[in-house]
Amino acid sequence: MHIVDTDRLGRPLEQEEATQATIRYNNAGRKPRPDLLERNFEPATERTTTILQFSMSGANGSLERVSSERLIYEPFK
């Protein structure tokens, strides 16, 4: 579920405190990590496009999988 903070989505990524996180995941030491790669806000339409990349590292730190997701938020009218 996504609850959009439109004020935050309009800010440049450089103003974010963090653009990545590590999530606790107890499955043989694997660690998923989402990275916020890009965010574009269109003031005229209030539409925001966000690109996230998800990485899964193994217990030894090796990269196992990577996938990307493009999320488009726009006001419901």
N, C-alpha and C. Protein backbone atom coordinates (compact mmCIF):
# COMPACT_ATOMS: atom_id res chain seq x y z
N MET A 1 0.85 -1.17 0.00
CA MET A 1 0.00 0.00 0.00
C MET A 1 0.90 1.23 0.00
N HIS A 2 0.56 2.19 -0.80
CA HIS A 2 1.31 3.43 -0.89
C HIS A 2 0.41 4.57 -0.45
N ILE A 3 0.89 5.33 0.52
CA ILE A 3 0.19 6.54 0.93
C ILE A 3 1.12 7.68 0.55
N VAL A 4 0.72 8.46 -0.41
CA VAL A 4 1.60 9.43 -1.04
C VAL A 4 1.65 10.73 -0.25
N ASP A 5 2.85 11.23 -0.01
CA ASP A 5 3.09 12.54 0.58
C ASP A 5 3.49 13.45 -0.58
N THR A 6 2.53 14.17 -1.15
CA THR A 6 2.80 14.96 -2.35
C THR A 6 3.83 16.06 -2.12
N ASP A 7 3.89 16.63 -0.92
CA ASP A 7 4.91 17.64 -0.64
C ASP A 7 6.31 17.03 -0.75
N ARG A 8 6.45 15.85 -0.23
CA ARG A 8 7.76 15.17 -0.27
C ARG A 8 8.12 14.74 -1.69
N LEU A 9 7.15 14.27 -2.45
CA LEU A 9 7.43 13.81 -3.81
C LEU A 9 7.88 14.94 -4.72
N GLY A 10 7.52 16.17 -4.39
CA GLY A 10 7.92 17.31 -5.19
C GLY A 10 9.34 17.80 -4.93
N ARG A 11 9.99 17.27 -3.88
CA ARG A 11 11.36 17.69 -3.56
C ARG A 11 12.38 16.90 -4.38
N PRO A 12 13.51 17.53 -4.69
CA PRO A 12 14.58 16.79 -5.38
C PRO A 12 15.16 15.69 -4.48
N LEU A 13 15.67 14.62 -5.10
CA LEU A 13 16.26 13.53 -4.33
C LEU A 13 17.40 13.99 -3.45
N GLU A 14 18.11 15.02 -3.87
CA GLU A 14 19.24 15.53 -3.10
C GLU A 14 18.81 16.00 -1.71
N GLN A 15 17.53 16.31 -1.53
CA GLN A 15 17.03 16.77 -0.24
C GLN A 15 16.56 15.63 0.65
N GLU A 16 16.59 14.41 0.14
CA GLU A 16 16.17 13.25 0.94
C GLU A 16 17.27 12.88 1.93
N GLU A 17 16.88 12.46 3.11
CA GLU A 17 17.85 12.00 4.10
C GLU A 17 18.48 10.69 3.65
N ALA A 18 17.70 9.83 3.02
CA ALA A 18 18.21 8.54 2.55
C ALA A 18 17.47 8.14 1.29
N THR A 19 18.18 7.49 0.37
CA THR A 19 17.54 6.99 -0.84
C THR A 19 17.66 5.47 -0.93
N GLN A 20 18.16 4.85 0.14
CA GLN A 20 18.21 3.40 0.19
C GLN A 20 18.01 2.94 1.62
N ALA A 21 17.64 1.68 1.76
CA ALA A 21 17.41 1.11 3.07
C ALA A 21 17.73 -0.37 3.03
N THR A 22 18.06 -0.93 4.16
CA THR A 22 18.20 -2.38 4.28
C THR A 22 17.08 -2.87 5.17
N ILE A 23 16.42 -3.91 4.72
CA ILE A 23 15.26 -4.44 5.42
C ILE A 23 15.65 -5.74 6.11
N ARG A 24 15.23 -5.92 7.35
CA ARG A 24 15.48 -7.19 8.04
C ARG A 24 14.69 -8.28 7.35
N TYR A 25 15.36 -9.36 7.06
CA TYR A 25 14.74 -10.45 6.32
C TYR A 25 15.44 -11.73 6.75
N ASN A 26 14.78 -12.58 7.47
CA ASN A 26 15.42 -13.77 8.03
C ASN A 26 15.18 -14.97 7.12
N ASN A 27 16.01 -15.08 6.12
CA ASN A 27 15.93 -16.21 5.20
C ASN A 27 17.35 -16.57 4.79
N ALA A 28 18.02 -17.34 5.61
CA ALA A 28 19.39 -17.81 5.35
C ALA A 28 20.36 -16.64 5.19
N GLY A 29 20.12 -15.54 5.92
CA GLY A 29 21.04 -14.42 5.89
C GLY A 29 20.91 -13.50 4.70
N ARG A 30 19.91 -13.69 3.87
CA ARG A 30 19.73 -12.81 2.69
C ARG A 30 19.25 -11.44 3.14
N LYS A 31 19.63 -10.41 2.37
CA LYS A 31 19.23 -9.04 2.71
C LYS A 31 18.67 -8.34 1.48
N PRO A 32 17.39 -7.96 1.52
CA PRO A 32 16.82 -7.16 0.44
C PRO A 32 17.12 -5.68 0.68
N ARG A 33 17.35 -4.93 -0.39
CA ARG A 33 17.61 -3.50 -0.25
C ARG A 33 16.91 -2.74 -1.38
N PRO A 34 15.99 -1.83 -1.02
CA PRO A 34 15.39 -0.95 -2.03
C PRO A 34 16.23 0.32 -2.18
N ASP A 35 16.46 0.74 -3.41
CA ASP A 35 17.16 1.99 -3.70
C ASP A 35 16.24 2.89 -4.51
N LEU A 36 16.10 4.12 -4.08
CA LEU A 36 15.33 5.11 -4.82
C LEU A 36 16.28 5.71 -5.86
N LEU A 37 16.07 5.36 -7.14
CA LEU A 37 16.98 5.78 -8.21
C LEU A 37 16.62 7.11 -8.83
N GLU A 38 15.34 7.34 -8.97
CA GLU A 38 14.91 8.54 -9.70
C GLU A 38 13.51 8.94 -9.26
N ARG A 39 13.27 10.25 -9.26
CA ARG A 39 11.93 10.75 -8.97
C ARG A 39 11.72 12.02 -9.78
N ASN A 40 10.66 12.06 -10.55
CA ASN A 40 10.32 13.22 -11.37
C ASN A 40 8.92 13.68 -11.02
N PHE A 41 8.78 14.95 -10.70
CA PHE A 41 7.49 15.54 -10.33
C PHE A 41 7.10 16.55 -11.39
N GLU A 42 5.88 16.44 -11.89
CA GLU A 42 5.34 17.37 -12.88
C GLU A 42 4.32 18.26 -12.18
N PRO A 43 4.70 19.49 -11.81
CA PRO A 43 3.80 20.37 -11.05
C PRO A 43 2.45 20.62 -11.73
N ALA A 44 2.44 20.76 -13.05
CA ALA A 44 1.19 21.08 -13.75
C ALA A 44 0.15 19.98 -13.59
N THR A 45 0.57 18.72 -13.59
CA THR A 45 -0.36 17.60 -13.48
C THR A 45 -0.33 16.95 -12.10
N GLU A 46 0.63 17.35 -11.25
CA GLU A 46 0.87 16.76 -9.94
C GLU A 46 1.19 15.27 -10.04
N ARG A 47 1.74 14.88 -11.17
CA ARG A 47 2.12 13.48 -11.42
C ARG A 47 3.58 13.27 -11.04
N THR A 48 3.84 12.19 -10.31
CA THR A 48 5.19 11.86 -9.90
C THR A 48 5.53 10.46 -10.41
N THR A 49 6.68 10.35 -11.04
CA THR A 49 7.19 9.05 -11.48
C THR A 49 8.41 8.72 -10.64
N THR A 50 8.40 7.57 -10.02
CA THR A 50 9.49 7.13 -9.16
C THR A 50 10.03 5.80 -9.68
N ILE A 51 11.35 5.67 -9.72
CA ILE A 51 11.97 4.41 -10.11
C ILE A 51 12.72 3.85 -8.92
N LEU A 52 12.35 2.64 -8.54
CA LEU A 52 12.98 1.93 -7.43
C LEU A 52 13.72 0.71 -7.98
N GLN A 53 14.83 0.40 -7.37
CA GLN A 53 15.55 -0.83 -7.70
C GLN A 53 15.65 -1.67 -6.43
N PHE A 54 15.34 -2.93 -6.54
CA PHE A 54 15.40 -3.84 -5.41
C PHE A 54 16.53 -4.84 -5.64
N SER A 55 17.42 -4.95 -4.67
CA SER A 55 18.55 -5.88 -4.76
C SER A 55 18.45 -6.89 -3.63
N MET A 56 18.82 -8.14 -3.92
CA MET A 56 18.86 -9.18 -2.89
C MET A 56 20.28 -9.69 -2.80
N SER A 57 20.88 -9.55 -1.62
CA SER A 57 22.23 -10.03 -1.38
C SER A 57 22.18 -11.31 -0.56
N GLY A 58 23.11 -12.21 -0.85
CA GLY A 58 23.20 -13.46 -0.10
C GLY A 58 23.89 -13.23 1.23
N ALA A 59 23.95 -14.28 2.03
CA ALA A 59 24.55 -14.21 3.36
C ALA A 59 26.02 -13.79 3.29
N ASN A 60 26.70 -14.09 2.19
CA ASN A 60 28.11 -13.72 2.04
C ASN A 60 28.29 -12.34 1.41
N GLY A 61 27.17 -11.63 1.17
CA GLY A 61 27.23 -10.28 0.60
C GLY A 61 27.17 -10.23 -0.91
N SER A 62 27.17 -11.39 -1.57
CA SER A 62 27.13 -11.40 -3.04
C SER A 62 25.73 -11.04 -3.53
N LEU A 63 25.68 -10.32 -4.63
CA LEU A 63 24.42 -9.91 -5.23
C LEU A 63 23.77 -11.10 -5.91
N GLU A 64 22.53 -11.41 -5.51
CA GLU A 64 21.82 -12.56 -6.07
C GLU A 64 20.81 -12.17 -7.14
N ARG A 65 20.05 -11.10 -6.88
CA ARG A 65 18.99 -10.69 -7.83
C ARG A 65 18.81 -9.19 -7.77
N VAL A 66 18.37 -8.63 -8.90
CA VAL A 66 18.05 -7.21 -8.98
C VAL A 66 16.79 -7.07 -9.84
N SER A 67 15.87 -6.24 -9.41
CA SER A 67 14.71 -5.91 -10.22
C SER A 67 14.37 -4.45 -10.01
N SER A 68 13.69 -3.86 -10.98
CA SER A 68 13.32 -2.44 -10.91
C SER A 68 11.82 -2.31 -11.03
N GLU A 69 11.34 -1.19 -10.51
CA GLU A 69 9.90 -0.91 -10.52
C GLU A 69 9.71 0.57 -10.78
N ARG A 70 8.79 0.89 -11.68
CA ARG A 70 8.43 2.29 -11.95
C ARG A 70 7.03 2.52 -11.36
N LEU A 71 6.94 3.47 -10.45
CA LEU A 71 5.66 3.82 -9.81
C LEU A 71 5.23 5.19 -10.31
N ILE A 72 3.99 5.29 -10.69
CA ILE A 72 3.43 6.57 -11.15
C ILE A 72 2.30 6.94 -10.22
N TYR A 73 2.45 8.08 -9.58
CA TYR A 73 1.43 8.62 -8.68
C TYR A 73 0.80 9.83 -9.35
N GLU A 74 -0.52 9.85 -9.38
CA GLU A 74 -1.21 11.03 -9.88
C GLU A 74 -2.49 11.21 -9.07
N PRO A 75 -2.92 12.45 -8.94
CA PRO A 75 -4.13 12.68 -8.13
C PRO A 75 -5.35 12.01 -8.72
N PHE A 76 -6.17 11.49 -7.86
CA PHE A 76 -7.44 10.91 -8.27
C PHE A 76 -8.43 12.03 -8.47
N LYS A 77 -8.96 12.14 -9.65
CA LYS A 77 -9.91 13.23 -9.94
C LYS A 77 -11.21 12.69 -10.43
